[in-house]
Amino acid sequence: MAEFERLMRDNSGDEVFSRTLLNSLGPEGTIKLANGLSDLAYFDDKRNKANYMNLQGSLAASLSSATQDTGSEFYKRFRKGMQQAGVKKYDLDVAGEKIPVGTGHGQQARGYQSLVTLMQQGEGYSDRFMRDMADDIRKAEDKNQGGDPNMWDLRGDFSAEDDGWFANDPLDGLLGVMSKDAEAVTAYLDPGEKGENDTLKYLLTGRQWDHVDTSDWRGNIEHSAKDTFDSDVRAGLGLALEVGSTGNQPGGEGAGFGRHSPEQARIMHETVNYLDYGAADGKSGEQKGSPRVGKADELLAKDEYAALRAPLSRALADYSPDMVDIVTGDAPGGRAGAAGAHMSGEGSQIQNSRSSLLRMMRGVSESDDPSNFELIYHAQRGYISQEMMVQDFPDSLSVINESRKVGEVFGALDAVGGDVKMDVHDDKISDATDKRFYGYHLGGGAITGIPVVGDAAQRLVDVSLNDWLSGVQAEEGALAKEELSRGNDLAQDNLDRYFETWGEERKVNKSLSVSAGAEARQSYVAGREIAYEALRSRN
């Protein structure tokens, strides 16, 4: 074992060695070796788990180095062999011992499940290799390509700390691996200029995600029941959507606000539309007499979509400039949106409808943890505050126009937050009320993922730090009593202080900052009303 460890450690990055090794093993041998190491690490010899995991890491490194040249004869042979081995069943203790006795005991794992489990221990795979593997896995499971949607079904839950390491859903696991490479995952998910790539559509609307077999007992007789899902279902998809639409790594430090590439904007635009309307073109493509009803908030509230919420909240925060423009009507597609994203090089933008984005905000905020809503809330406030601090205002009318946008955005945000029922988050948020939005997060930990703003904008955001939650909770009170027309004095007082501070920072005439605050207060009412309408319009 020690000799094997040294051999792998010293040579797994060498292409010739790696190809020789994988040629010797073959696809089936590679799978069996990976399974054997997993069995030793997690079942038979747990005391030496670290050694076996190091060997798996080295084997994954060999797989990576051997498959860099995807045009080679070796690669073509290996891929063809894996297409056959990937759908076969193999012994693996994590599967076979999941059910101690009865139906499911001794069940076997498919080759692609084991291959992706191995790949999770490595990195640096070529773009083409990962996309080829994803295509091959899809072909094996997609009924429209002759595959079996139940190909990966097993009994028992394969998630959490004990068994989450096993990629029982190999496509979702591969998406997680691919998410470490922003260019690769963007290329894989991008629908294309003419919609020629249907990957995103398949993942969001066409794929079977329930891979846990269950039983229904009628007396002493066991019958197969409806499939269900693991608690980590769509975890890889969530990361892939975030990275593919932003180019950011999950949990990384926030960059400045900006626009996106055409490919990224297409992914984000169609993701919103698929989740809200089930169609790439959103409401823009509805047929006369058959209106589409947006339900992203309801869909994302379901347990099987829980893993999408945090990644999509980070992505939405990164798209704050686009979202603010859409809410205020300044986007190329206006408030109603357009069928596709706005293409403008690295300045491309999403063009979803305002109501779709509001429902997305509400959907990703469905959690006992307030951090998803907080992230979006403070990102949008940070962006619009930065605009207030850096823009040149040629006259008082331009100031009033910008203040209208501030009020409208703040009103929409507070209304969404009120619908989230932020009162249950008091104990979690109270520790953060004296912390800077962009410096710290709950409990004093550093914020990750939120775009950064300049010092001047930071001071403007900080002025309302201690009062932001009270304004949101006032909206919640109005919702609870179904008094949607009731005013929100707390939020409007907050706006007064906001524009007072803005006037002091920008050194403008006090009468102008007072007028701007008054305009913002009026627009706040409009903003909250459009949010209420978006969240309550149901046929």
Protein backbone atom coordinates (compact mmCIF):
# COMPACT_ATOMS: atom_id res chain seq x y z
CA MET A 1 0.00 0.00 0.00
CA ALA A 2 2.81 2.41 0.86
CA GLU A 3 4.49 1.68 -2.48
CA PHE A 4 1.21 2.23 -4.33
CA GLU A 5 0.71 5.53 -2.51
CA ARG A 6 4.19 6.75 -3.48
CA LEU A 7 3.74 5.62 -7.08
CA MET A 8 0.44 7.46 -7.43
CA ARG A 9 1.57 10.55 -5.55
CA ASP A 10 4.68 11.01 -7.66
CA ASN A 11 3.20 10.19 -11.07
CA SER A 12 -0.53 10.94 -11.18
CA GLY A 13 0.12 14.30 -12.86
CA ASP A 14 2.14 12.67 -15.64
CA GLU A 15 0.10 12.13 -18.81
CA VAL A 16 2.02 9.07 -20.01
CA PHE A 17 1.85 7.35 -16.62
CA SER A 18 -1.84 8.19 -16.22
CA ARG A 19 -2.78 6.85 -19.65
CA THR A 20 -0.76 3.69 -19.03
CA LEU A 21 -2.55 3.21 -15.71
CA LEU A 22 -6.04 3.78 -17.10
CA ASN A 23 -5.30 1.67 -20.17
CA SER A 24 -4.30 -1.16 -17.86
CA LEU A 25 -7.33 -0.79 -15.65
CA GLY A 26 -9.82 0.00 -18.39
CA PRO A 27 -13.08 1.84 -17.57
CA GLU A 28 -14.45 -1.10 -15.53
CA GLY A 29 -11.21 -1.55 -13.63
CA THR A 30 -11.09 2.16 -12.87
CA ILE A 31 -14.61 2.00 -11.43
CA LYS A 32 -13.84 -1.11 -9.40
CA LEU A 33 -10.65 0.41 -7.99
CA ALA A 34 -12.50 3.59 -7.02
CA ASN A 35 -15.22 1.52 -5.36
CA GLY A 36 -12.67 -0.59 -3.51
CA LEU A 37 -10.99 2.50 -2.10
CA SER A 38 -14.39 3.88 -1.03
CA ASP A 39 -15.27 0.63 0.71
CA LEU A 40 -11.96 0.66 2.59
CA ALA A 41 -12.24 4.33 3.54
CA TYR A 42 -15.83 4.34 4.72
CA PHE A 43 -16.49 0.75 5.85
CA ASP A 44 -13.70 -1.80 6.12
CA ASP A 45 -10.74 0.22 7.42
CA LYS A 46 -11.98 3.59 8.68
CA ARG A 47 -8.88 4.11 10.82
CA ASN A 48 -6.83 4.55 7.65
CA LYS A 49 -9.45 6.57 5.80
CA ALA A 50 -7.04 9.44 5.06
CA ASN A 51 -4.69 7.09 3.20
CA TYR A 52 -7.44 5.73 0.98
CA MET A 53 -8.79 9.18 0.29
CA ASN A 54 -5.32 10.33 -0.73
CA LEU A 55 -5.19 7.43 -3.16
CA GLN A 56 -8.59 8.38 -4.56
CA GLY A 57 -7.31 11.92 -5.00
CA SER A 58 -4.30 10.60 -6.90
CA LEU A 59 -6.49 8.37 -9.06
CA ALA A 60 -8.71 11.37 -9.83
CA ALA A 61 -5.58 13.36 -10.73
CA SER A 62 -4.55 10.59 -13.13
CA LEU A 63 -8.01 10.67 -14.69
CA SER A 64 -7.67 14.42 -15.14
CA SER A 65 -4.19 14.33 -16.70
CA ALA A 66 -5.00 11.36 -18.97
CA THR A 67 -8.09 13.02 -20.45
CA GLN A 68 -6.71 16.50 -21.18
CA ASP A 69 -6.25 15.75 -24.89
CA THR A 70 -9.82 14.90 -25.87
CA GLY A 71 -8.85 14.37 -29.49
CA SER A 72 -6.45 11.51 -28.76
CA GLU A 73 -7.13 7.88 -29.57
CA PHE A 74 -6.77 7.03 -25.89
CA TYR A 75 -9.52 9.45 -24.97
CA LYS A 76 -11.87 8.15 -27.66
CA ARG A 77 -11.36 4.54 -26.49
CA PHE A 78 -11.74 5.41 -22.84
CA ARG A 79 -14.92 7.41 -23.39
CA LYS A 80 -16.48 4.67 -25.52
CA GLY A 81 -15.65 2.08 -22.88
CA MET A 82 -17.04 4.28 -20.13
CA GLN A 83 -20.31 4.70 -22.01
CA GLN A 84 -20.79 0.96 -21.51
CA ALA A 85 -19.24 0.61 -18.05
CA GLY A 86 -21.01 3.72 -16.77
CA VAL A 87 -24.45 2.15 -16.90
CA LYS A 88 -23.45 -1.27 -15.51
CA LYS A 89 -23.92 -2.19 -11.85
CA TYR A 90 -21.07 -2.80 -9.40
CA ASP A 91 -20.73 -3.79 -5.76
CA LEU A 92 -20.28 -0.84 -3.39
CA ASP A 93 -20.89 -1.00 0.35
CA VAL A 94 -22.45 2.46 0.65
CA ALA A 95 -25.23 1.23 -1.64
CA GLY A 96 -25.41 -2.42 -0.66
CA GLU A 97 -25.44 -1.81 3.10
CA LYS A 98 -27.70 1.25 3.02
CA ILE A 99 -30.70 -0.98 3.72
CA PRO A 100 -29.70 -3.51 6.46
CA VAL A 101 -32.30 -6.10 5.51
CA GLY A 102 -35.11 -6.51 3.01
CA THR A 103 -35.73 -4.77 -0.29
CA GLY A 104 -32.69 -2.75 -1.27
CA HIS A 105 -30.16 -4.76 0.73
CA GLY A 106 -27.26 -5.64 -1.54
CA GLN A 107 -28.24 -3.11 -4.21
CA GLN A 108 -25.43 -2.09 -6.55
CA ALA A 109 -24.17 1.24 -7.84
CA ARG A 110 -23.96 2.26 -11.48
CA GLY A 111 -20.58 3.00 -13.01
CA TYR A 112 -21.24 6.69 -13.63
CA GLN A 113 -22.21 7.12 -9.98
CA SER A 114 -18.82 5.76 -8.96
CA LEU A 115 -16.94 7.72 -11.64
CA VAL A 116 -18.41 11.07 -10.54
CA THR A 117 -17.78 10.16 -6.89
CA LEU A 118 -14.13 9.72 -7.88
CA MET A 119 -14.08 12.95 -9.89
CA GLN A 120 -15.26 14.87 -6.83
CA GLN A 121 -11.85 14.12 -5.29
CA GLY A 122 -9.98 15.87 -8.11
CA GLU A 123 -9.88 19.04 -10.15
CA GLY A 124 -8.51 20.54 -13.33
CA TYR A 125 -10.52 18.35 -15.69
CA SER A 126 -10.67 19.55 -19.26
CA ASP A 127 -13.78 21.43 -20.34
CA ARG A 128 -14.49 18.93 -23.12
CA PHE A 129 -14.11 15.90 -20.87
CA MET A 130 -16.63 17.21 -18.32
CA ARG A 131 -19.11 18.18 -21.00
CA ASP A 132 -18.71 14.83 -22.76
CA MET A 133 -19.33 12.99 -19.48
CA ALA A 134 -22.40 15.15 -18.82
CA ASP A 135 -23.72 14.42 -22.32
CA ASP A 136 -23.14 10.69 -21.88
CA ILE A 137 -24.85 10.61 -18.49
CA ARG A 138 -27.80 12.51 -19.91
CA LYS A 139 -28.06 10.10 -22.82
CA ALA A 140 -28.21 7.20 -20.37
CA GLU A 141 -31.10 8.78 -18.42
CA ASP A 142 -33.03 10.95 -20.90
CA LYS A 143 -36.06 9.10 -22.24
CA ASN A 144 -36.04 11.37 -25.30
CA GLN A 145 -32.61 9.96 -26.15
CA GLY A 146 -33.54 6.37 -25.43
CA GLY A 147 -32.39 6.47 -21.82
CA ASP A 148 -33.97 5.39 -18.54
CA PRO A 149 -34.99 8.24 -16.15
CA ASN A 150 -34.83 5.75 -13.26
CA MET A 151 -31.28 4.68 -14.12
CA TRP A 152 -29.80 6.07 -10.88
CA ASP A 153 -32.59 5.06 -8.48
CA LEU A 154 -31.51 3.50 -5.20
CA ARG A 155 -33.17 2.95 -1.85
CA GLY A 156 -32.16 5.18 1.03
CA ASP A 157 -30.98 8.75 1.41
CA PHE A 158 -27.48 9.55 0.12
CA SER A 159 -26.87 12.99 1.57
CA ALA A 160 -25.55 14.75 4.69
CA GLU A 161 -22.22 14.04 6.34
CA ASP A 162 -22.36 10.26 6.38
CA ASP A 163 -23.28 9.42 2.79
CA GLY A 164 -23.27 12.74 0.92
CA TRP A 165 -19.88 11.91 -0.55
CA PHE A 166 -21.48 9.35 -2.86
CA ALA A 167 -22.75 10.81 -6.15
CA ASN A 168 -25.97 8.80 -6.37
CA ASP A 169 -27.19 11.43 -8.85
CA PRO A 170 -24.16 11.52 -11.16
CA LEU A 171 -25.33 14.41 -13.35
CA ASP A 172 -25.96 16.65 -10.35
CA GLY A 173 -22.64 15.59 -8.87
CA LEU A 174 -20.86 16.33 -12.14
CA LEU A 175 -22.46 19.79 -12.23
CA GLY A 176 -20.91 20.39 -8.82
CA VAL A 177 -17.50 19.36 -10.16
CA MET A 178 -18.00 21.51 -13.26
CA SER A 179 -18.92 24.54 -11.14
CA LYS A 180 -15.26 24.85 -10.12
CA ASP A 181 -14.54 25.87 -13.73
CA ALA A 182 -16.57 28.97 -14.62
CA GLU A 183 -15.81 28.86 -18.35
CA ALA A 184 -16.73 25.19 -18.59
CA VAL A 185 -20.04 25.47 -16.78
CA THR A 186 -21.02 28.63 -18.65
CA ALA A 187 -20.35 26.92 -21.98
CA TYR A 188 -22.31 23.85 -20.88
CA LEU A 189 -25.41 25.79 -19.74
CA ASP A 190 -25.46 28.63 -22.29
CA PRO A 191 -28.62 28.25 -24.43
CA GLY A 192 -26.81 29.85 -27.36
CA GLU A 193 -27.70 32.80 -29.58
CA LYS A 194 -30.42 30.84 -31.38
CA GLY A 195 -31.44 28.56 -28.52
CA GLU A 196 -29.55 25.63 -30.01
CA ASN A 197 -28.49 24.19 -26.63
CA ASP A 198 -31.37 22.69 -24.61
CA THR A 199 -29.31 21.74 -21.54
CA LEU A 200 -30.79 24.44 -19.31
CA LYS A 201 -34.32 23.55 -20.40
CA TYR A 202 -33.69 19.88 -19.67
CA LEU A 203 -32.25 20.53 -16.21
CA LEU A 204 -34.95 22.99 -15.13
CA THR A 205 -38.07 21.57 -16.74
CA GLY A 206 -37.49 18.16 -18.31
CA ARG A 207 -35.30 16.07 -16.01
CA GLN A 208 -36.39 13.45 -13.51
CA TRP A 209 -34.75 14.45 -10.19
CA ASP A 210 -36.36 11.88 -7.87
CA HIS A 211 -33.87 9.03 -7.51
CA VAL A 212 -34.88 7.45 -4.21
CA ASP A 213 -37.03 4.32 -4.46
CA THR A 214 -39.72 3.88 -1.81
CA SER A 215 -42.25 1.20 -0.84
CA ASP A 216 -45.90 1.14 0.09
CA TRP A 217 -47.03 -1.63 2.43
CA ARG A 218 -50.51 -3.06 2.10
CA GLY A 219 -50.80 -5.48 4.94
CA ASN A 220 -47.77 -7.79 4.67
CA ILE A 221 -47.28 -7.14 0.98
CA GLU A 222 -44.69 -4.58 -0.21
CA HIS A 223 -45.42 -2.56 -3.32
CA SER A 224 -43.24 -0.08 -5.16
CA ALA A 225 -44.29 3.49 -4.41
CA LYS A 226 -43.60 6.88 -5.90
CA ASP A 227 -39.94 7.91 -6.11
CA THR A 228 -38.76 10.72 -3.87
CA PHE A 229 -35.62 12.87 -3.55
CA ASP A 230 -32.51 13.23 -1.41
CA SER A 231 -32.17 16.23 0.88
CA ASP A 232 -29.27 17.49 -1.27
CA VAL A 233 -31.20 17.24 -4.55
CA ARG A 234 -30.12 19.89 -7.11
CA ALA A 235 -27.12 20.96 -5.02
CA GLY A 236 -24.78 20.70 -7.99
CA LEU A 237 -27.27 22.42 -10.27
CA GLY A 238 -27.52 25.37 -7.89
CA LEU A 239 -23.76 25.90 -7.89
CA ALA A 240 -23.60 25.49 -11.66
CA LEU A 241 -26.34 28.10 -12.21
CA GLU A 242 -24.59 30.57 -9.91
CA VAL A 243 -21.14 30.15 -11.43
CA GLY A 244 -22.38 29.88 -15.01
CA SER A 245 -24.44 33.07 -14.81
CA THR A 246 -21.92 35.20 -12.89
CA GLY A 247 -18.40 33.82 -13.36
CA ASN A 248 -17.98 34.06 -9.56
CA GLN A 249 -16.97 31.17 -7.35
CA PRO A 250 -19.54 30.37 -4.63
CA GLY A 251 -18.77 32.02 -1.32
CA GLY A 252 -16.01 34.17 -2.79
CA GLU A 253 -15.38 37.77 -1.88
CA GLY A 254 -17.70 40.16 -3.67
CA ALA A 255 -16.44 42.17 -6.62
CA GLY A 256 -17.75 45.52 -7.82
CA PHE A 257 -21.13 45.86 -9.44
CA GLY A 258 -21.19 45.36 -13.21
CA ARG A 259 -22.91 43.74 -16.16
CA HIS A 260 -22.25 40.33 -17.65
CA SER A 261 -21.19 38.46 -20.75
CA PRO A 262 -23.82 37.45 -23.32
CA GLU A 263 -23.48 33.80 -22.30
CA GLN A 264 -23.90 34.56 -18.59
CA ALA A 265 -26.87 36.86 -19.20
CA ARG A 266 -28.61 34.24 -21.34
CA ILE A 267 -28.23 31.64 -18.58
CA MET A 268 -29.60 33.94 -15.90
CA HIS A 269 -32.42 35.28 -18.04
CA GLU A 270 -33.68 31.86 -19.04
CA THR A 271 -33.20 30.40 -15.55
CA VAL A 272 -35.58 33.03 -14.16
CA ASN A 273 -38.11 32.42 -16.93
CA TYR A 274 -37.98 28.64 -16.64
CA LEU A 275 -38.47 28.77 -12.88
CA ASP A 276 -41.25 31.34 -13.10
CA TYR A 277 -43.14 30.38 -16.26
CA GLY A 278 -41.64 27.07 -17.36
CA ALA A 279 -40.58 28.64 -20.67
CA ALA A 280 -37.39 30.31 -21.90
CA ASP A 281 -39.17 33.40 -23.21
CA GLY A 282 -41.20 33.98 -20.06
CA LYS A 283 -44.46 35.83 -20.29
CA SER A 284 -43.39 37.35 -23.61
CA GLY A 285 -44.10 34.11 -25.41
CA GLU A 286 -47.53 33.29 -24.02
CA GLN A 287 -50.23 32.42 -26.52
CA LYS A 288 -53.51 34.28 -26.75
CA GLY A 289 -56.11 32.59 -24.61
CA SER A 290 -53.56 30.62 -22.55
CA PRO A 291 -51.87 33.05 -20.16
CA ARG A 292 -48.79 31.93 -18.28
CA VAL A 293 -48.92 32.33 -14.51
CA GLY A 294 -45.62 33.05 -12.78
CA LYS A 295 -44.92 30.77 -9.85
CA ALA A 296 -41.20 31.00 -9.10
CA ASP A 297 -41.94 31.92 -5.48
CA GLU A 298 -44.11 28.83 -5.03
CA LEU A 299 -41.72 26.53 -6.86
CA LEU A 300 -38.62 27.62 -4.92
CA ALA A 301 -40.53 27.24 -1.65
CA LYS A 302 -40.71 23.47 -2.21
CA ASP A 303 -38.24 21.29 -0.33
CA GLU A 304 -36.90 19.73 -3.51
CA TYR A 305 -35.71 23.18 -4.66
CA ALA A 306 -34.10 24.20 -1.36
CA ALA A 307 -30.55 23.71 -2.69
CA LEU A 308 -31.13 26.33 -5.40
CA ARG A 309 -32.04 29.15 -3.02
CA ALA A 310 -28.64 30.22 -1.65
CA PRO A 311 -26.76 30.01 -4.99
CA LEU A 312 -29.52 31.89 -6.81
CA SER A 313 -29.68 34.56 -4.10
CA ARG A 314 -25.97 35.18 -4.63
CA ALA A 315 -26.51 35.32 -8.39
CA LEU A 316 -29.41 37.76 -8.02
CA ALA A 317 -27.24 39.98 -5.80
CA ASP A 318 -24.63 40.01 -8.56
CA TYR A 319 -27.33 41.12 -11.01
CA SER A 320 -28.43 44.05 -8.83
CA PRO A 321 -27.80 46.67 -11.56
CA ASP A 322 -30.09 44.79 -13.96
CA MET A 323 -32.72 44.17 -11.31
CA VAL A 324 -32.83 47.79 -10.17
CA ASP A 325 -33.17 48.93 -13.78
CA ILE A 326 -36.05 46.52 -14.35
CA VAL A 327 -37.90 47.49 -11.17
CA THR A 328 -37.60 51.17 -12.03
CA GLY A 329 -38.34 50.78 -15.74
CA ASP A 330 -34.88 51.80 -16.95
CA ALA A 331 -33.97 48.41 -18.46
CA PRO A 332 -33.86 47.95 -22.25
CA GLY A 333 -36.89 45.69 -21.99
CA GLY A 334 -38.71 47.95 -19.56
CA ARG A 335 -40.78 46.61 -16.67
CA ALA A 336 -42.60 44.04 -18.81
CA GLY A 337 -39.34 42.50 -20.01
CA ALA A 338 -38.49 40.84 -23.31
CA ALA A 339 -38.26 37.29 -24.60
CA GLY A 340 -34.46 37.16 -24.48
CA ALA A 341 -31.54 38.79 -22.71
CA HIS A 342 -30.18 42.11 -23.99
CA MET A 343 -26.96 41.40 -25.87
CA SER A 344 -24.27 44.05 -25.58
CA GLY A 345 -20.88 42.36 -25.27
CA GLU A 346 -19.60 42.36 -21.70
CA GLY A 347 -22.38 44.83 -20.86
CA SER A 348 -25.18 42.34 -21.53
CA GLN A 349 -28.25 42.34 -19.28
CA ILE A 350 -31.18 40.17 -18.31
CA GLN A 351 -34.59 41.35 -19.48
CA ASN A 352 -37.03 39.38 -17.33
CA SER A 353 -40.29 40.96 -16.28
CA ARG A 354 -40.34 42.92 -13.05
CA SER A 355 -42.89 40.56 -11.52
CA SER A 356 -40.73 37.51 -12.34
CA LEU A 357 -37.74 38.98 -10.53
CA LEU A 358 -39.84 39.89 -7.50
CA ARG A 359 -41.14 36.33 -7.32
CA MET A 360 -37.59 35.00 -7.67
CA MET A 361 -36.48 37.22 -4.76
CA ARG A 362 -39.33 35.90 -2.66
CA GLY A 363 -38.68 32.30 -3.64
CA VAL A 364 -34.98 32.22 -2.76
CA SER A 365 -35.79 33.89 0.58
CA GLU A 366 -37.95 30.94 1.68
CA SER A 367 -35.88 29.77 4.64
CA ASP A 368 -35.48 30.00 8.40
CA ASP A 369 -32.12 31.60 7.65
CA PRO A 370 -32.54 35.30 6.74
CA SER A 371 -29.20 35.55 4.95
CA ASN A 372 -30.56 34.98 1.42
CA PHE A 373 -33.01 37.87 1.66
CA GLU A 374 -30.46 40.04 3.46
CA LEU A 375 -27.93 39.50 0.70
CA ILE A 376 -30.30 40.61 -2.07
CA TYR A 377 -31.74 43.44 0.02
CA HIS A 378 -28.40 44.97 0.92
CA ALA A 379 -26.87 44.38 -2.51
CA GLN A 380 -29.64 46.35 -4.20
CA ARG A 381 -29.55 49.10 -1.59
CA GLY A 382 -25.78 49.22 -1.94
CA TYR A 383 -25.94 49.51 -5.71
CA ILE A 384 -28.56 52.24 -5.77
CA SER A 385 -26.70 54.11 -3.00
CA GLN A 386 -23.54 53.98 -5.07
CA GLU A 387 -25.44 55.42 -8.01
CA MET A 388 -26.70 58.25 -5.80
CA MET A 389 -23.16 59.05 -4.70
CA VAL A 390 -21.27 58.85 -8.00
CA GLN A 391 -23.74 60.20 -10.55
CA ASP A 392 -23.48 63.71 -11.90
CA PHE A 393 -26.82 65.47 -11.46
CA PRO A 394 -27.04 68.38 -13.91
CA ASP A 395 -30.21 69.79 -12.37
CA SER A 396 -32.79 69.28 -9.65
CA LEU A 397 -35.07 67.31 -11.98
CA SER A 398 -32.45 64.61 -12.42
CA VAL A 399 -32.14 64.33 -8.63
CA ILE A 400 -35.90 63.95 -8.25
CA ASN A 401 -35.96 61.29 -10.96
CA GLU A 402 -33.24 59.28 -9.23
CA SER A 403 -34.97 59.61 -5.85
CA ARG A 404 -38.08 58.14 -7.45
CA LYS A 405 -36.07 55.05 -8.27
CA VAL A 406 -34.71 54.81 -4.73
CA GLY A 407 -38.19 54.91 -3.24
CA GLU A 408 -39.58 52.40 -5.71
CA VAL A 409 -36.78 49.89 -5.12
CA PHE A 410 -36.89 50.25 -1.34
CA GLY A 411 -40.67 49.81 -1.37
CA ALA A 412 -40.47 46.64 -3.44
CA LEU A 413 -37.70 45.21 -1.25
CA ASP A 414 -39.58 45.91 1.99
CA ALA A 415 -42.75 44.34 0.61
CA VAL A 416 -40.90 41.15 -0.40
CA GLY A 417 -39.26 41.05 3.03
CA GLY A 418 -42.62 41.50 4.73
CA ASP A 419 -43.97 38.53 2.82
CA VAL A 420 -41.02 36.46 4.05
CA LYS A 421 -42.24 36.99 7.64
CA MET A 422 -39.03 38.43 8.97
CA ASP A 423 -40.31 38.44 12.55
CA VAL A 424 -39.10 34.87 12.95
CA HIS A 425 -35.59 36.08 12.23
CA ASP A 426 -35.39 38.64 15.07
CA ASP A 427 -33.00 36.60 17.18
CA LYS A 428 -30.68 35.96 14.24
CA ILE A 429 -30.64 39.53 12.99
CA SER A 430 -30.45 41.38 16.31
CA ASP A 431 -26.78 40.51 16.71
CA ALA A 432 -26.03 42.15 13.37
CA THR A 433 -27.90 45.44 13.73
CA ASP A 434 -24.79 47.32 14.79
CA LYS A 435 -22.58 45.83 12.09
CA ARG A 436 -21.84 47.34 8.71
CA PHE A 437 -23.70 45.62 5.89
CA TYR A 438 -20.62 45.27 3.75
CA GLY A 439 -18.14 44.54 6.49
CA TYR A 440 -19.82 41.88 8.57
CA HIS A 441 -22.61 39.39 8.52
CA LEU A 442 -24.66 37.63 11.20
CA GLY A 443 -22.70 37.11 14.40
CA GLY A 444 -19.81 39.25 13.15
CA GLY A 445 -18.63 36.90 10.41
CA ALA A 446 -17.37 38.36 7.15
CA ILE A 447 -19.88 38.69 4.34
CA THR A 448 -19.14 36.70 1.22
CA GLY A 449 -20.62 37.09 -2.21
CA ILE A 450 -22.03 40.58 -1.82
CA PRO A 451 -20.74 43.11 -4.35
CA VAL A 452 -18.69 45.90 -2.80
CA VAL A 453 -19.35 49.64 -2.90
CA GLY A 454 -17.18 52.70 -2.35
CA ASP A 455 -16.72 54.40 1.02
CA ALA A 456 -19.13 57.23 0.22
CA ALA A 457 -21.90 54.83 -0.71
CA GLN A 458 -21.08 52.77 2.38
CA ARG A 459 -21.74 55.76 4.62
CA LEU A 460 -25.06 56.31 2.90
CA VAL A 461 -26.06 52.67 3.36
CA ASP A 462 -24.94 52.64 7.00
CA VAL A 463 -27.20 55.54 7.97
CA SER A 464 -30.26 53.30 7.87
CA LEU A 465 -28.55 50.21 9.25
CA ASN A 466 -30.34 50.10 12.59
CA ASP A 467 -33.78 50.72 11.08
CA TRP A 468 -33.90 48.56 7.97
CA LEU A 469 -35.53 45.58 9.66
CA SER A 470 -38.21 47.67 11.34
CA GLY A 471 -39.37 48.93 7.96
CA VAL A 472 -39.59 45.39 6.63
CA GLN A 473 -41.50 44.20 9.68
CA ALA A 474 -43.95 47.08 9.34
CA GLU A 475 -44.80 45.68 5.92
CA GLU A 476 -45.26 42.28 7.48
CA GLY A 477 -47.73 43.74 9.95
CA ALA A 478 -49.74 45.25 7.11
CA LEU A 479 -49.78 41.90 5.33
CA ALA A 480 -50.86 40.02 8.44
CA LYS A 481 -53.85 42.30 8.88
CA GLU A 482 -54.52 42.47 5.14
CA GLU A 483 -54.12 46.23 5.25
CA LEU A 484 -52.05 46.58 2.13
CA SER A 485 -52.97 50.21 1.72
CA ARG A 486 -51.70 51.12 5.18
CA GLY A 487 -48.73 53.46 5.20
CA ASN A 488 -45.28 52.56 6.49
CA ASP A 489 -44.16 55.47 8.65
CA LEU A 490 -41.02 53.70 9.81
CA ALA A 491 -39.81 53.06 6.27
CA GLN A 492 -40.62 56.62 5.20
CA ASP A 493 -38.78 58.11 8.17
CA ASN A 494 -35.88 55.93 7.11
CA LEU A 495 -36.01 57.46 3.63
CA ASP A 496 -35.94 60.96 5.11
CA ARG A 497 -32.74 60.17 7.02
CA TYR A 498 -31.30 58.51 3.93
CA PHE A 499 -31.71 61.63 1.78
CA GLU A 500 -30.65 63.93 4.59
CA THR A 501 -27.36 62.04 4.78
CA TRP A 502 -27.09 62.02 0.99
CA GLY A 503 -27.50 65.79 0.92
CA GLU A 504 -24.79 66.24 3.53
CA GLU A 505 -22.39 63.92 1.70
CA ARG A 506 -23.02 65.53 -1.69
CA LYS A 507 -23.18 69.05 -0.17
CA VAL A 508 -26.40 69.99 -1.91
CA ASN A 509 -29.01 72.54 -0.89
CA LYS A 510 -31.15 71.18 1.94
CA SER A 511 -34.36 72.02 0.13
CA LEU A 512 -33.29 69.71 -2.70
CA SER A 513 -32.59 66.77 -0.39
CA VAL A 514 -35.96 67.36 1.32
CA SER A 515 -37.72 67.35 -2.06
CA ALA A 516 -35.88 64.21 -3.08
CA GLY A 517 -36.97 62.50 0.12
CA ALA A 518 -40.59 63.50 -0.49
CA GLU A 519 -40.47 62.03 -4.02
CA ALA A 520 -38.92 58.83 -2.68
CA ARG A 521 -41.67 58.47 -0.08
CA GLN A 522 -44.35 58.63 -2.77
CA SER A 523 -42.52 56.13 -4.96
CA TYR A 524 -42.07 53.80 -2.01
CA VAL A 525 -45.84 53.24 -2.02
CA ALA A 526 -45.77 52.36 -5.71
CA GLY A 527 -42.88 49.96 -5.21
CA ARG A 528 -44.57 48.02 -2.43
CA GLU A 529 -47.79 47.77 -4.44
CA ILE A 530 -46.10 46.25 -7.47
CA ALA A 531 -44.43 43.68 -5.23
CA TYR A 532 -47.71 42.76 -3.56
CA GLU A 533 -49.33 42.39 -6.96
CA ALA A 534 -46.51 40.16 -8.26
CA LEU A 535 -46.69 37.88 -5.23
CA ARG A 536 -50.47 37.60 -5.16
CA SER A 537 -51.52 37.44 -8.79
CA ARG A 538 -52.79 33.91 -9.25
CA ASN A 539 -55.27 32.47 -11.71
